[in-house]
Structures are given as structure tokens and as C-alpha cells.
N, C-alpha and C. Protein backbone atom coordinates (compact mmCIF):
# COMPACT_ATOMS: atom_id res chain seq x y z
N UNK A 1 -173.38 -101.58 28.09
CA UNK A 1 -172.96 -102.56 29.06
C UNK A 1 -172.80 -103.95 28.41
N UNK A 2 -173.80 -104.32 27.60
CA UNK A 2 -173.73 -105.63 26.95
C UNK A 2 -172.59 -105.69 25.92
N UNK A 3 -172.37 -104.60 25.19
CA UNK A 3 -171.29 -104.58 24.21
C UNK A 3 -169.93 -104.76 24.86
N UNK A 4 -169.72 -104.06 25.97
CA UNK A 4 -168.46 -104.18 26.70
C UNK A 4 -168.28 -105.61 27.18
N UNK A 5 -169.33 -106.20 27.76
CA UNK A 5 -169.25 -107.56 28.29
C UNK A 5 -168.99 -108.58 27.19
N UNK A 6 -169.67 -108.44 26.06
CA UNK A 6 -169.50 -109.40 24.97
C UNK A 6 -168.08 -109.31 24.39
N UNK A 7 -167.56 -108.09 24.23
CA UNK A 7 -166.19 -107.96 23.69
C UNK A 7 -165.17 -108.48 24.68
N UNK A 8 -165.39 -108.26 25.97
CA UNK A 8 -164.49 -108.82 26.98
C UNK A 8 -164.52 -110.34 26.94
N UNK A 9 -165.71 -110.91 26.76
CA UNK A 9 -165.83 -112.37 26.66
C UNK A 9 -165.12 -112.88 25.42
N UNK A 10 -165.31 -112.21 24.30
CA UNK A 10 -164.64 -112.63 23.06
C UNK A 10 -163.13 -112.57 23.22
N UNK A 11 -162.63 -111.49 23.83
CA UNK A 11 -161.18 -111.36 24.05
C UNK A 11 -160.68 -112.49 24.95
N UNK A 12 -161.38 -112.72 26.04
CA UNK A 12 -160.97 -113.76 26.98
C UNK A 12 -160.99 -115.15 26.34
N UNK A 13 -162.06 -115.46 25.65
CA UNK A 13 -162.21 -116.80 25.07
C UNK A 13 -161.24 -117.02 23.92
N UNK A 14 -161.18 -116.07 22.98
CA UNK A 14 -160.36 -116.26 21.78
C UNK A 14 -158.87 -116.08 22.07
N UNK A 15 -158.49 -114.91 22.62
CA UNK A 15 -157.06 -114.59 22.74
C UNK A 15 -156.41 -115.17 23.98
N UNK A 16 -157.16 -115.32 25.07
CA UNK A 16 -156.58 -115.84 26.29
C UNK A 16 -156.63 -117.37 26.33
N UNK A 17 -157.77 -117.94 25.91
CA UNK A 17 -157.93 -119.37 26.07
C UNK A 17 -157.63 -120.17 24.81
N UNK A 18 -158.28 -119.84 23.69
CA UNK A 18 -158.10 -120.64 22.48
C UNK A 18 -156.72 -120.45 21.87
N UNK A 19 -156.32 -119.20 21.63
CA UNK A 19 -155.02 -118.94 21.01
C UNK A 19 -153.87 -118.91 22.01
N UNK A 20 -154.19 -118.69 23.29
CA UNK A 20 -153.18 -118.58 24.36
C UNK A 20 -152.10 -117.55 24.05
N UNK A 21 -152.52 -116.41 23.48
CA UNK A 21 -151.56 -115.36 23.14
C UNK A 21 -151.14 -114.57 24.37
N UNK A 22 -152.02 -114.41 25.32
CA UNK A 22 -151.70 -113.66 26.53
C UNK A 22 -152.74 -113.94 27.60
N UNK A 23 -152.47 -113.42 28.79
CA UNK A 23 -153.42 -113.41 29.89
C UNK A 23 -153.73 -111.94 30.19
N UNK A 24 -154.71 -111.70 31.03
CA UNK A 24 -155.04 -110.31 31.35
C UNK A 24 -153.84 -109.61 31.99
N UNK A 25 -153.16 -110.29 32.90
CA UNK A 25 -151.95 -109.73 33.52
C UNK A 25 -150.83 -110.73 33.35
N UNK A 26 -149.85 -110.37 32.52
CA UNK A 26 -148.75 -111.28 32.18
C UNK A 26 -147.43 -110.93 32.85
N UNK A 27 -147.43 -110.06 33.81
CA UNK A 27 -146.17 -109.57 34.38
C UNK A 27 -145.83 -110.23 35.71
N UNK A 28 -146.34 -111.44 35.94
CA UNK A 28 -146.09 -112.14 37.19
C UNK A 28 -146.01 -113.64 36.93
N UNK A 29 -146.39 -114.41 37.90
CA UNK A 29 -146.32 -115.86 37.80
C UNK A 29 -147.50 -116.39 36.97
N UNK A 30 -147.39 -117.63 36.47
CA UNK A 30 -148.53 -118.22 35.76
C UNK A 30 -149.79 -118.29 36.61
N UNK A 31 -149.66 -118.51 37.90
CA UNK A 31 -150.83 -118.56 38.78
C UNK A 31 -151.53 -117.20 38.84
N UNK A 32 -150.76 -116.14 38.93
CA UNK A 32 -151.35 -114.79 38.96
C UNK A 32 -151.99 -114.48 37.61
N UNK A 33 -151.36 -114.90 36.52
CA UNK A 33 -151.94 -114.68 35.19
C UNK A 33 -153.28 -115.39 35.06
N UNK A 34 -153.36 -116.61 35.55
CA UNK A 34 -154.62 -117.36 35.51
C UNK A 34 -155.67 -116.71 36.41
N UNK A 35 -155.25 -116.26 37.58
CA UNK A 35 -156.17 -115.56 38.48
C UNK A 35 -156.71 -114.29 37.82
N UNK A 36 -155.84 -113.54 37.13
CA UNK A 36 -156.29 -112.31 36.48
C UNK A 36 -157.32 -112.61 35.39
N UNK A 37 -157.15 -113.71 34.67
CA UNK A 37 -158.16 -114.11 33.68
C UNK A 37 -159.48 -114.44 34.34
N UNK A 38 -159.43 -115.12 35.48
CA UNK A 38 -160.65 -115.44 36.21
C UNK A 38 -161.36 -114.20 36.70
N UNK A 39 -160.60 -113.20 37.15
CA UNK A 39 -161.21 -111.96 37.60
C UNK A 39 -161.84 -111.21 36.44
N UNK A 40 -161.19 -111.23 35.26
CA UNK A 40 -161.77 -110.62 34.08
C UNK A 40 -163.08 -111.33 33.71
N UNK A 41 -163.08 -112.65 33.75
CA UNK A 41 -164.30 -113.40 33.46
C UNK A 41 -165.41 -113.05 34.44
N UNK A 42 -165.08 -112.92 35.70
CA UNK A 42 -166.08 -112.55 36.72
C UNK A 42 -166.65 -111.17 36.41
N UNK A 43 -165.80 -110.23 36.07
CA UNK A 43 -166.26 -108.87 35.79
C UNK A 43 -167.18 -108.83 34.57
N UNK A 44 -166.80 -109.53 33.49
CA UNK A 44 -167.67 -109.45 32.32
C UNK A 44 -168.96 -110.24 32.52
N UNK A 45 -168.94 -111.29 33.32
CA UNK A 45 -170.18 -112.01 33.60
C UNK A 45 -171.15 -111.16 34.42
N UNK A 46 -170.61 -110.38 35.38
CA UNK A 46 -171.46 -109.48 36.15
C UNK A 46 -172.07 -108.43 35.22
N UNK A 47 -171.27 -107.84 34.33
CA UNK A 47 -171.78 -106.87 33.37
C UNK A 47 -172.82 -107.51 32.45
N UNK A 48 -172.56 -108.72 32.01
CA UNK A 48 -173.48 -109.40 31.11
C UNK A 48 -174.84 -109.64 31.77
N UNK A 49 -174.82 -110.16 32.98
CA UNK A 49 -176.07 -110.41 33.69
C UNK A 49 -176.80 -109.10 33.97
N UNK A 50 -176.08 -108.10 34.47
CA UNK A 50 -176.71 -106.80 34.75
C UNK A 50 -177.26 -106.18 33.46
N UNK A 51 -176.52 -106.30 32.37
CA UNK A 51 -176.98 -105.75 31.10
C UNK A 51 -178.23 -106.43 30.59
N UNK A 52 -178.32 -107.74 30.74
CA UNK A 52 -179.53 -108.45 30.31
C UNK A 52 -180.72 -108.11 31.20
N UNK A 53 -180.49 -107.94 32.50
CA UNK A 53 -181.59 -107.51 33.37
C UNK A 53 -182.07 -106.11 32.99
N UNK A 54 -181.14 -105.22 32.70
CA UNK A 54 -181.50 -103.86 32.28
C UNK A 54 -182.29 -103.90 30.98
N UNK A 55 -181.79 -104.68 30.01
CA UNK A 55 -182.46 -104.84 28.72
C UNK A 55 -183.88 -105.38 28.91
N UNK A 56 -183.99 -106.42 29.72
CA UNK A 56 -185.31 -107.03 29.97
C UNK A 56 -186.25 -106.04 30.65
N UNK A 57 -185.74 -105.23 31.58
CA UNK A 57 -186.57 -104.24 32.24
C UNK A 57 -187.05 -103.17 31.26
N UNK A 58 -186.18 -102.73 30.38
CA UNK A 58 -186.59 -101.76 29.36
C UNK A 58 -187.68 -102.33 28.46
N UNK A 59 -187.53 -103.60 28.07
CA UNK A 59 -188.56 -104.24 27.25
C UNK A 59 -189.87 -104.38 28.01
N UNK A 60 -189.78 -104.78 29.26
CA UNK A 60 -190.98 -104.96 30.08
C UNK A 60 -191.76 -103.66 30.23
N UNK A 61 -191.03 -102.56 30.40
CA UNK A 61 -191.69 -101.26 30.58
C UNK A 61 -192.08 -100.62 29.25
N UNK A 62 -191.70 -101.23 28.14
CA UNK A 62 -192.03 -100.68 26.83
C UNK A 62 -191.23 -99.44 26.48
N UNK A 63 -190.05 -99.30 27.06
CA UNK A 63 -189.23 -98.11 26.81
C UNK A 63 -187.95 -98.43 26.04
N UNK A 64 -187.84 -99.63 25.53
CA UNK A 64 -186.64 -100.01 24.79
C UNK A 64 -186.67 -99.38 23.40
N UNK A 65 -185.66 -98.61 23.09
CA UNK A 65 -185.48 -98.04 21.75
C UNK A 65 -184.49 -98.96 21.03
N UNK A 66 -184.99 -99.82 20.19
CA UNK A 66 -184.19 -100.91 19.61
C UNK A 66 -182.98 -100.42 18.81
N UNK A 67 -183.18 -99.47 17.94
CA UNK A 67 -182.04 -99.00 17.13
C UNK A 67 -180.99 -98.34 18.01
N UNK A 68 -181.42 -97.60 19.01
CA UNK A 68 -180.49 -96.98 19.94
C UNK A 68 -179.74 -98.05 20.75
N UNK A 69 -180.46 -99.09 21.14
CA UNK A 69 -179.84 -100.18 21.89
C UNK A 69 -178.76 -100.87 21.06
N UNK A 70 -179.05 -101.10 19.77
CA UNK A 70 -178.05 -101.73 18.91
C UNK A 70 -176.84 -100.80 18.73
N UNK A 71 -177.10 -99.51 18.56
CA UNK A 71 -175.99 -98.56 18.45
C UNK A 71 -175.14 -98.54 19.70
N UNK A 72 -175.79 -98.57 20.86
CA UNK A 72 -175.05 -98.62 22.12
C UNK A 72 -174.27 -99.91 22.28
N UNK A 73 -174.84 -101.00 21.80
CA UNK A 73 -174.14 -102.29 21.86
C UNK A 73 -172.85 -102.24 21.05
N UNK A 74 -172.93 -101.77 19.80
CA UNK A 74 -171.74 -101.70 18.94
C UNK A 74 -170.73 -100.70 19.51
N UNK A 75 -171.22 -99.59 20.05
CA UNK A 75 -170.34 -98.62 20.68
C UNK A 75 -169.61 -99.26 21.87
N UNK A 76 -170.32 -100.06 22.66
CA UNK A 76 -169.69 -100.77 23.79
C UNK A 76 -168.61 -101.73 23.34
N UNK A 77 -168.85 -102.42 22.22
CA UNK A 77 -167.81 -103.30 21.67
C UNK A 77 -166.54 -102.51 21.41
N UNK A 78 -166.70 -101.36 20.74
CA UNK A 78 -165.55 -100.53 20.40
C UNK A 78 -164.88 -99.93 21.61
N UNK A 79 -165.68 -99.52 22.60
CA UNK A 79 -165.11 -98.93 23.82
C UNK A 79 -164.21 -99.93 24.52
N UNK A 80 -164.68 -101.16 24.71
CA UNK A 80 -163.83 -102.16 25.37
C UNK A 80 -162.57 -102.40 24.56
N UNK A 81 -162.74 -102.58 23.26
CA UNK A 81 -161.61 -102.92 22.39
C UNK A 81 -160.55 -101.81 22.40
N UNK A 82 -160.97 -100.56 22.31
CA UNK A 82 -160.00 -99.46 22.32
C UNK A 82 -159.38 -99.29 23.69
N UNK A 83 -160.18 -99.42 24.75
CA UNK A 83 -159.64 -99.33 26.11
C UNK A 83 -158.57 -100.40 26.31
N UNK A 84 -158.87 -101.63 25.89
CA UNK A 84 -157.91 -102.72 26.02
C UNK A 84 -156.64 -102.42 25.22
N UNK A 85 -156.81 -101.95 23.98
CA UNK A 85 -155.66 -101.70 23.13
C UNK A 85 -154.79 -100.55 23.59
N UNK A 86 -155.38 -99.49 24.12
CA UNK A 86 -154.60 -98.32 24.54
C UNK A 86 -154.19 -98.41 26.01
N UNK A 87 -155.16 -98.61 26.88
CA UNK A 87 -154.87 -98.58 28.32
C UNK A 87 -154.18 -99.85 28.78
N UNK A 88 -154.80 -101.02 28.53
CA UNK A 88 -154.23 -102.27 29.02
C UNK A 88 -152.92 -102.64 28.34
N UNK A 89 -152.89 -102.48 27.01
CA UNK A 89 -151.69 -102.90 26.26
C UNK A 89 -150.56 -101.90 26.35
N UNK A 90 -150.84 -100.62 26.31
CA UNK A 90 -149.78 -99.62 26.20
C UNK A 90 -149.54 -98.83 27.49
N UNK A 91 -150.58 -98.22 28.03
CA UNK A 91 -150.38 -97.36 29.20
C UNK A 91 -150.04 -98.14 30.46
N UNK A 92 -150.81 -99.18 30.75
CA UNK A 92 -150.56 -99.99 31.94
C UNK A 92 -149.61 -101.15 31.69
N UNK A 93 -149.41 -101.50 30.43
CA UNK A 93 -148.52 -102.59 30.02
C UNK A 93 -148.84 -103.89 30.76
N UNK A 94 -150.15 -104.20 30.85
CA UNK A 94 -150.57 -105.43 31.52
C UNK A 94 -150.21 -106.66 30.70
N UNK A 95 -150.29 -106.52 29.38
CA UNK A 95 -149.95 -107.61 28.47
C UNK A 95 -149.82 -107.04 27.06
N UNK A 96 -149.19 -107.81 26.19
CA UNK A 96 -149.16 -107.48 24.77
C UNK A 96 -150.23 -108.34 24.09
N UNK A 97 -150.58 -107.96 22.88
CA UNK A 97 -151.54 -108.79 22.15
C UNK A 97 -150.95 -110.17 21.93
N UNK A 98 -149.69 -110.18 21.51
CA UNK A 98 -149.01 -111.43 21.22
C UNK A 98 -147.53 -111.24 21.51
N UNK A 99 -146.87 -112.29 21.94
CA UNK A 99 -145.45 -112.21 22.28
C UNK A 99 -144.62 -112.93 21.23
N UNK A 100 -143.37 -112.50 21.09
CA UNK A 100 -142.43 -113.15 20.19
C UNK A 100 -142.58 -112.75 18.73
N UNK A 101 -143.34 -111.70 18.46
CA UNK A 101 -143.54 -111.22 17.09
C UNK A 101 -143.45 -109.70 17.10
N UNK A 102 -143.35 -109.10 15.91
CA UNK A 102 -143.44 -107.66 15.79
C UNK A 102 -144.88 -107.28 16.12
N UNK A 103 -145.08 -106.55 17.20
CA UNK A 103 -146.42 -106.29 17.71
C UNK A 103 -147.11 -105.13 16.98
N UNK A 104 -146.38 -104.32 16.24
CA UNK A 104 -146.97 -103.15 15.58
C UNK A 104 -148.15 -103.51 14.67
N UNK A 105 -148.04 -104.49 13.77
CA UNK A 105 -149.22 -104.83 12.94
C UNK A 105 -150.42 -105.27 13.78
N UNK A 106 -150.17 -105.99 14.86
CA UNK A 106 -151.26 -106.43 15.74
C UNK A 106 -151.90 -105.23 16.43
N UNK A 107 -151.07 -104.30 16.92
CA UNK A 107 -151.60 -103.10 17.55
C UNK A 107 -152.44 -102.28 16.58
N UNK A 108 -151.94 -102.11 15.37
CA UNK A 108 -152.67 -101.33 14.36
C UNK A 108 -154.00 -101.99 14.02
N UNK A 109 -153.99 -103.31 13.84
CA UNK A 109 -155.23 -104.02 13.52
C UNK A 109 -156.19 -103.97 14.71
N UNK A 110 -155.68 -104.19 15.91
CA UNK A 110 -156.52 -104.20 17.12
C UNK A 110 -157.22 -102.85 17.30
N UNK A 111 -156.42 -101.79 17.28
CA UNK A 111 -156.99 -100.47 17.50
C UNK A 111 -157.79 -99.99 16.29
N UNK A 112 -157.42 -100.44 15.10
CA UNK A 112 -158.20 -100.11 13.90
C UNK A 112 -159.59 -100.70 13.97
N UNK A 113 -159.69 -101.96 14.39
CA UNK A 113 -160.99 -102.60 14.56
C UNK A 113 -161.82 -101.83 15.59
N UNK A 114 -161.17 -101.42 16.68
CA UNK A 114 -161.86 -100.67 17.73
C UNK A 114 -162.41 -99.36 17.18
N UNK A 115 -161.62 -98.64 16.39
CA UNK A 115 -162.07 -97.37 15.82
C UNK A 115 -163.23 -97.57 14.85
N UNK A 116 -163.18 -98.65 14.07
CA UNK A 116 -164.29 -98.94 13.15
C UNK A 116 -165.56 -99.22 13.95
N UNK A 117 -165.45 -100.03 15.01
CA UNK A 117 -166.62 -100.31 15.85
C UNK A 117 -167.17 -99.04 16.48
N UNK A 118 -166.29 -98.18 16.96
CA UNK A 118 -166.74 -96.92 17.55
C UNK A 118 -167.46 -96.06 16.52
N UNK A 119 -166.90 -95.98 15.33
CA UNK A 119 -167.52 -95.17 14.27
C UNK A 119 -168.89 -95.74 13.88
N UNK A 120 -168.97 -97.05 13.70
CA UNK A 120 -170.24 -97.67 13.32
C UNK A 120 -171.27 -97.46 14.43
N UNK A 121 -170.87 -97.67 15.69
CA UNK A 121 -171.79 -97.46 16.81
C UNK A 121 -172.26 -96.01 16.90
N UNK A 122 -171.35 -95.07 16.71
CA UNK A 122 -171.73 -93.65 16.75
C UNK A 122 -172.70 -93.30 15.62
N UNK A 123 -172.44 -93.83 14.43
CA UNK A 123 -173.35 -93.59 13.30
C UNK A 123 -174.72 -94.19 13.58
N UNK A 124 -174.73 -95.41 14.13
CA UNK A 124 -176.01 -96.04 14.46
C UNK A 124 -176.78 -95.22 15.48
N UNK A 125 -176.09 -94.70 16.49
CA UNK A 125 -176.76 -93.87 17.49
C UNK A 125 -177.25 -92.56 16.87
N UNK A 126 -176.44 -91.96 16.03
CA UNK A 126 -176.83 -90.72 15.36
C UNK A 126 -178.09 -90.93 14.52
N UNK A 127 -178.12 -92.03 13.81
CA UNK A 127 -179.28 -92.31 12.94
C UNK A 127 -180.52 -92.69 13.74
N UNK A 128 -180.35 -93.06 15.00
CA UNK A 128 -181.51 -93.45 15.82
C UNK A 128 -181.96 -92.32 16.74
N UNK A 129 -181.43 -91.13 16.56
CA UNK A 129 -181.71 -90.03 17.48
C UNK A 129 -183.18 -89.62 17.53
N UNK A 130 -183.94 -89.93 16.49
CA UNK A 130 -185.36 -89.58 16.49
C UNK A 130 -186.25 -90.75 16.93
N UNK A 131 -185.61 -91.82 17.38
CA UNK A 131 -186.35 -93.02 17.77
C UNK A 131 -186.97 -92.84 19.16
N UNK A 132 -188.20 -93.25 19.27
CA UNK A 132 -188.88 -93.23 20.56
C UNK A 132 -188.82 -94.60 21.20
N UNK A 133 -189.49 -94.78 22.31
CA UNK A 133 -189.53 -96.08 22.98
C UNK A 133 -190.11 -97.17 22.09
N UNK A 134 -189.62 -98.37 22.29
CA UNK A 134 -190.12 -99.58 21.64
C UNK A 134 -190.13 -99.46 20.12
N UNK A 135 -189.19 -98.71 19.57
CA UNK A 135 -189.03 -98.64 18.12
C UNK A 135 -189.98 -97.68 17.43
N UNK A 136 -190.82 -96.95 18.18
CA UNK A 136 -191.75 -96.01 17.55
C UNK A 136 -191.01 -94.70 17.29
N UNK A 137 -190.94 -94.29 16.05
CA UNK A 137 -190.27 -93.04 15.71
C UNK A 137 -191.14 -91.85 16.06
N UNK A 138 -190.48 -90.82 16.62
CA UNK A 138 -191.19 -89.56 16.90
C UNK A 138 -190.96 -88.64 15.71
N UNK A 139 -192.04 -88.18 15.11
CA UNK A 139 -191.89 -87.28 13.95
C UNK A 139 -192.91 -86.20 14.03
């Protein structure tokens, strides 16, 4: 949950606001595009708050498996990134990564980064499979 929220925030802040490459929904008026960015921000803030409460509850109960949590975090980063690159950019055609340029290199880099994050997260989770609560390994 936290990985998805953090990657959504990074996408919104960097690509939507700082670089102004696109909005979440670019197929309408500028007002609708701005509204769609606000809705995306609302969604990731809800996920972020809920994720931190969940994390804090796991820590409080002593059931947090730290290595597994980090693996899940990185996996969440990759899940959002790949979902955005495949579903939002291509299947739903909500927006392109960037307009006025050959988008293929951007698509390859975007989805390549997502696949690397997914692979790293999966490896981290695989390596933490013997981890017990609060970082205590079961052996």
C-alpha cells in the first residue's frame, strides 16, 4: 500500500507538476485535467495514511516483518509504475508520458523501470520468506 502511494506521489509531483509533461486525464479541458490530478492526489493520500496506520499497528503488535515489509514496499512501487505504464498510458489512453516527442523510448524506460522494481521487490520477498514477526528469523 505504501509503495503504491509513494510511487503515485512521485509521479504526480515530478511528471504532473514539476515537469508538466501530462495530467492524469488529458483527454478533456484543462479544468478536468486539473481535477483528475486532484483526485489522484486524494487517492494516494488516503492510501498513504491508511498504509502508515497499518504499518504502525503491525509495529505496535510486534508482528512487523521488516524485510518482508521492505519487499512489499518495492513491489508496490513497481505495481503502480507498471499499471500506470500499461493500463493508464496504453489500454485506457488517459495520457501519454510526454507529448510532442517519440514516446517509444519513454514507454520502454517507464515500463523497464517498473519491471526492475517488480523483480527487486519479488527477490526481496523471496529472500524474506523465512522471516518471522519483528525481524526474528524462524529456523
